[in-house]
Amino acid sequence: MKRAIQIGCMCLGSILLASCSQPVHSIEYYKQHEDERKVMLEKCKADPDLVMRDENCRSAANAQFQSGSYTPSKPREW
C-alpha cells in the first residue's frame, strides 16, 4: 500500500512539474513579437545564469541580433 502511494505521488509530482514549464519560442517568433522579445531580454538580463539554461533567452537574444536592433557592449580596456 505504501509503495502504491509513493508511486502515485511521484507520478503526480512529475505531471505538475511538466505543466509548469514555459513553451519554447523560436527566433522567428521573437522577430515577429518585439514586445515579448523585450520582456524576455529584460528577464534574462536580471538573471545572467538564465541565459545559459533557457532556450527562450537564447532565441530572444538571437532575434534581437538578427533584427539589427541590438546595442553593442562598450569596449573593455584592460
N, C-alpha and C. Protein backbone atom coordinates (compact mmCIF):
# COMPACT_ATOMS: atom_id res chain seq x y z
N MET A 1 0.82 -1.19 0.00
CA MET A 1 0.00 0.00 0.00
C MET A 1 0.87 1.26 0.00
N LYS A 2 1.92 1.26 0.85
CA LYS A 2 2.81 2.42 0.89
C LYS A 2 3.49 2.63 -0.46
N ARG A 3 3.84 1.54 -1.08
CA ARG A 3 4.52 1.62 -2.38
C ARG A 3 3.61 2.26 -3.43
N ALA A 4 2.34 1.90 -3.41
CA ALA A 4 1.39 2.46 -4.38
C ALA A 4 1.21 3.96 -4.15
N ILE A 5 1.18 4.38 -2.91
CA ILE A 5 1.05 5.80 -2.59
C ILE A 5 2.28 6.56 -3.05
N GLN A 6 3.46 5.99 -2.82
CA GLN A 6 4.70 6.64 -3.25
C GLN A 6 4.75 6.79 -4.77
N ILE A 7 4.37 5.76 -5.48
CA ILE A 7 4.38 5.82 -6.94
C ILE A 7 3.35 6.84 -7.43
N GLY A 8 2.20 6.87 -6.80
CA GLY A 8 1.17 7.85 -7.17
C GLY A 8 1.64 9.27 -6.95
N CYS A 9 2.31 9.52 -5.83
CA CYS A 9 2.84 10.86 -5.54
C CYS A 9 3.92 11.25 -6.53
N MET A 10 4.77 10.31 -6.90
CA MET A 10 5.81 10.61 -7.87
C MET A 10 5.21 10.94 -9.24
N CYS A 11 4.20 10.21 -9.64
CA CYS A 11 3.54 10.49 -10.93
C CYS A 11 2.86 11.85 -10.91
N LEU A 12 2.18 12.16 -9.83
CA LEU A 12 1.51 13.46 -9.71
C LEU A 12 2.53 14.59 -9.72
N GLY A 13 3.63 14.42 -9.01
CA GLY A 13 4.69 15.43 -9.00
C GLY A 13 5.28 15.65 -10.38
N SER A 14 5.49 14.57 -11.12
CA SER A 14 6.04 14.69 -12.47
C SER A 14 5.08 15.45 -13.39
N ILE A 15 3.81 15.17 -13.27
CA ILE A 15 2.81 15.87 -14.09
C ILE A 15 2.78 17.35 -13.75
N LEU A 16 2.83 17.67 -12.48
CA LEU A 16 2.81 19.07 -12.06
C LEU A 16 4.04 19.82 -12.55
N LEU A 17 5.20 19.20 -12.46
CA LEU A 17 6.42 19.85 -12.94
C LEU A 17 6.40 20.04 -14.45
N ALA A 18 5.89 19.08 -15.16
CA ALA A 18 5.85 19.19 -16.62
C ALA A 18 4.88 20.28 -17.07
N SER A 19 3.83 20.50 -16.33
CA SER A 19 2.84 21.51 -16.74
C SER A 19 3.28 22.93 -16.40
N CYS A 20 4.31 23.10 -15.59
CA CYS A 20 4.77 24.42 -15.18
C CYS A 20 5.76 25.05 -16.16
N SER A 21 6.27 24.30 -17.09
CA SER A 21 7.31 24.83 -17.97
C SER A 21 6.70 25.77 -19.02
N GLN A 22 7.51 26.73 -19.45
CA GLN A 22 7.08 27.68 -20.47
C GLN A 22 7.23 27.06 -21.85
N PRO A 23 6.39 27.48 -22.79
CA PRO A 23 6.61 27.00 -24.16
C PRO A 23 7.88 27.63 -24.73
N VAL A 24 8.59 26.88 -25.53
CA VAL A 24 9.83 27.38 -26.13
C VAL A 24 9.47 28.02 -27.47
N HIS A 25 9.88 29.28 -27.63
CA HIS A 25 9.60 30.02 -28.86
C HIS A 25 10.85 30.08 -29.72
N SER A 26 10.64 30.16 -31.02
CA SER A 26 11.75 30.19 -31.97
C SER A 26 12.27 31.62 -32.15
N ILE A 27 13.38 31.72 -32.85
CA ILE A 27 13.95 33.02 -33.18
C ILE A 27 12.96 33.81 -34.05
N GLU A 28 12.32 33.12 -34.99
CA GLU A 28 11.35 33.78 -35.87
C GLU A 28 10.19 34.35 -35.07
N TYR A 29 9.76 33.63 -34.04
CA TYR A 29 8.67 34.12 -33.19
C TYR A 29 9.07 35.44 -32.53
N TYR A 30 10.27 35.48 -31.97
CA TYR A 30 10.72 36.69 -31.29
C TYR A 30 10.99 37.83 -32.28
N LYS A 31 11.33 37.51 -33.52
CA LYS A 31 11.48 38.56 -34.53
C LYS A 31 10.14 39.23 -34.81
N GLN A 32 9.08 38.43 -34.81
CA GLN A 32 7.75 38.94 -35.12
C GLN A 32 7.05 39.59 -33.93
N HIS A 33 7.44 39.24 -32.70
CA HIS A 33 6.79 39.74 -31.49
C HIS A 33 7.81 40.54 -30.67
N GLU A 34 8.00 41.78 -31.07
CA GLU A 34 9.03 42.63 -30.46
C GLU A 34 8.79 42.89 -28.98
N ASP A 35 7.53 43.10 -28.59
CA ASP A 35 7.23 43.38 -27.18
C ASP A 35 7.60 42.19 -26.29
N GLU A 36 7.25 40.99 -26.73
CA GLU A 36 7.59 39.81 -25.95
C GLU A 36 9.10 39.58 -25.92
N ARG A 37 9.77 39.94 -27.01
CA ARG A 37 11.24 39.82 -27.06
C ARG A 37 11.87 40.74 -26.03
N LYS A 38 11.37 41.98 -25.92
CA LYS A 38 11.92 42.92 -24.95
C LYS A 38 11.70 42.44 -23.53
N VAL A 39 10.51 41.90 -23.25
CA VAL A 39 10.23 41.38 -21.90
C VAL A 39 11.17 40.23 -21.57
N MET A 40 11.36 39.33 -22.52
CA MET A 40 12.24 38.18 -22.28
C MET A 40 13.69 38.63 -22.09
N LEU A 41 14.15 39.60 -22.86
CA LEU A 41 15.52 40.08 -22.72
C LEU A 41 15.74 40.75 -21.36
N GLU A 42 14.75 41.48 -20.88
CA GLU A 42 14.87 42.09 -19.55
C GLU A 42 14.93 41.02 -18.47
N LYS A 43 14.12 39.99 -18.63
CA LYS A 43 14.13 38.87 -17.67
C LYS A 43 15.49 38.18 -17.68
N CYS A 44 16.06 38.03 -18.86
CA CYS A 44 17.37 37.37 -18.99
C CYS A 44 18.49 38.24 -18.43
N LYS A 45 18.39 39.56 -18.58
CA LYS A 45 19.40 40.45 -18.02
C LYS A 45 19.38 40.42 -16.50
N ALA A 46 18.20 40.24 -15.92
CA ALA A 46 18.08 40.21 -14.46
C ALA A 46 18.74 38.96 -13.87
N ASP A 47 18.77 37.87 -14.62
CA ASP A 47 19.37 36.62 -14.14
C ASP A 47 20.31 36.08 -15.21
N PRO A 48 21.60 36.45 -15.16
CA PRO A 48 22.55 36.04 -16.20
C PRO A 48 22.68 34.52 -16.37
N ASP A 49 22.48 33.76 -15.30
CA ASP A 49 22.57 32.31 -15.42
C ASP A 49 21.43 31.74 -16.26
N LEU A 50 20.33 32.48 -16.33
CA LEU A 50 19.18 32.03 -17.10
C LEU A 50 19.50 31.93 -18.58
N VAL A 51 20.40 32.77 -19.06
CA VAL A 51 20.77 32.76 -20.48
C VAL A 51 21.33 31.40 -20.87
N MET A 52 22.08 30.79 -20.00
CA MET A 52 22.69 29.50 -20.31
C MET A 52 21.68 28.36 -20.23
N ARG A 53 20.64 28.53 -19.41
CA ARG A 53 19.69 27.44 -19.19
C ARG A 53 18.43 27.53 -20.04
N ASP A 54 18.04 28.73 -20.42
CA ASP A 54 16.73 28.93 -21.03
C ASP A 54 16.83 29.13 -22.54
N GLU A 55 16.17 28.28 -23.28
CA GLU A 55 16.17 28.37 -24.74
C GLU A 55 15.50 29.67 -25.21
N ASN A 56 14.49 30.14 -24.47
CA ASN A 56 13.82 31.38 -24.85
C ASN A 56 14.76 32.58 -24.75
N CYS A 57 15.66 32.59 -23.77
CA CYS A 57 16.63 33.68 -23.66
C CYS A 57 17.55 33.70 -24.87
N ARG A 58 18.01 32.54 -25.27
CA ARG A 58 18.90 32.47 -26.43
C ARG A 58 18.16 32.86 -27.71
N SER A 59 16.92 32.41 -27.85
CA SER A 59 16.15 32.75 -29.05
C SER A 59 15.87 34.24 -29.12
N ALA A 60 15.51 34.85 -27.98
CA ALA A 60 15.24 36.29 -27.96
C ALA A 60 16.50 37.09 -28.27
N ALA A 61 17.63 36.67 -27.72
CA ALA A 61 18.89 37.37 -27.98
C ALA A 61 19.30 37.24 -29.45
N ASN A 62 19.14 36.06 -30.01
CA ASN A 62 19.46 35.86 -31.43
C ASN A 62 18.54 36.67 -32.33
N ALA A 63 17.26 36.73 -31.97
CA ALA A 63 16.31 37.53 -32.76
C ALA A 63 16.67 39.01 -32.69
N GLN A 64 17.08 39.46 -31.52
CA GLN A 64 17.49 40.86 -31.36
C GLN A 64 18.71 41.15 -32.23
N PHE A 65 19.66 40.25 -32.23
CA PHE A 65 20.87 40.42 -33.02
C PHE A 65 20.56 40.40 -34.52
N GLN A 66 19.76 39.44 -34.94
CA GLN A 66 19.46 39.30 -36.37
C GLN A 66 18.60 40.44 -36.90
N SER A 67 17.81 41.05 -36.03
CA SER A 67 16.98 42.17 -36.48
C SER A 67 17.79 43.45 -36.61
N GLY A 68 19.00 43.45 -36.07
CA GLY A 68 19.87 44.62 -36.18
C GLY A 68 19.58 45.69 -35.16
N SER A 69 18.75 45.39 -34.18
CA SER A 69 18.39 46.41 -33.19
C SER A 69 19.06 46.18 -31.84
N TYR A 70 20.18 45.49 -31.85
CA TYR A 70 20.90 45.26 -30.61
C TYR A 70 21.83 46.43 -30.30
N THR A 71 22.21 46.54 -29.03
CA THR A 71 23.16 47.57 -28.62
C THR A 71 24.47 46.88 -28.29
N PRO A 72 25.53 47.16 -29.03
CA PRO A 72 26.80 46.50 -28.75
C PRO A 72 27.33 46.89 -27.36
N SER A 73 28.08 46.00 -26.78
CA SER A 73 28.70 46.28 -25.49
C SER A 73 29.79 47.33 -25.66
N LYS A 74 30.07 48.04 -24.58
CA LYS A 74 31.15 49.02 -24.61
C LYS A 74 32.48 48.27 -24.68
N PRO A 75 33.45 48.80 -25.42
CA PRO A 75 34.76 48.16 -25.48
C PRO A 75 35.41 48.14 -24.09
N ARG A 76 36.04 47.06 -23.79
CA ARG A 76 36.69 46.93 -22.48
C ARG A 76 38.15 47.32 -22.60
N GLU A 77 38.60 48.01 -21.60
CA GLU A 77 40.01 48.38 -21.56
C GLU A 77 40.69 47.56 -20.48
N TRP A 78 41.73 46.89 -20.85
CA TRP A 78 42.44 46.04 -19.89
C TRP A 78 43.51 46.82 -19.29
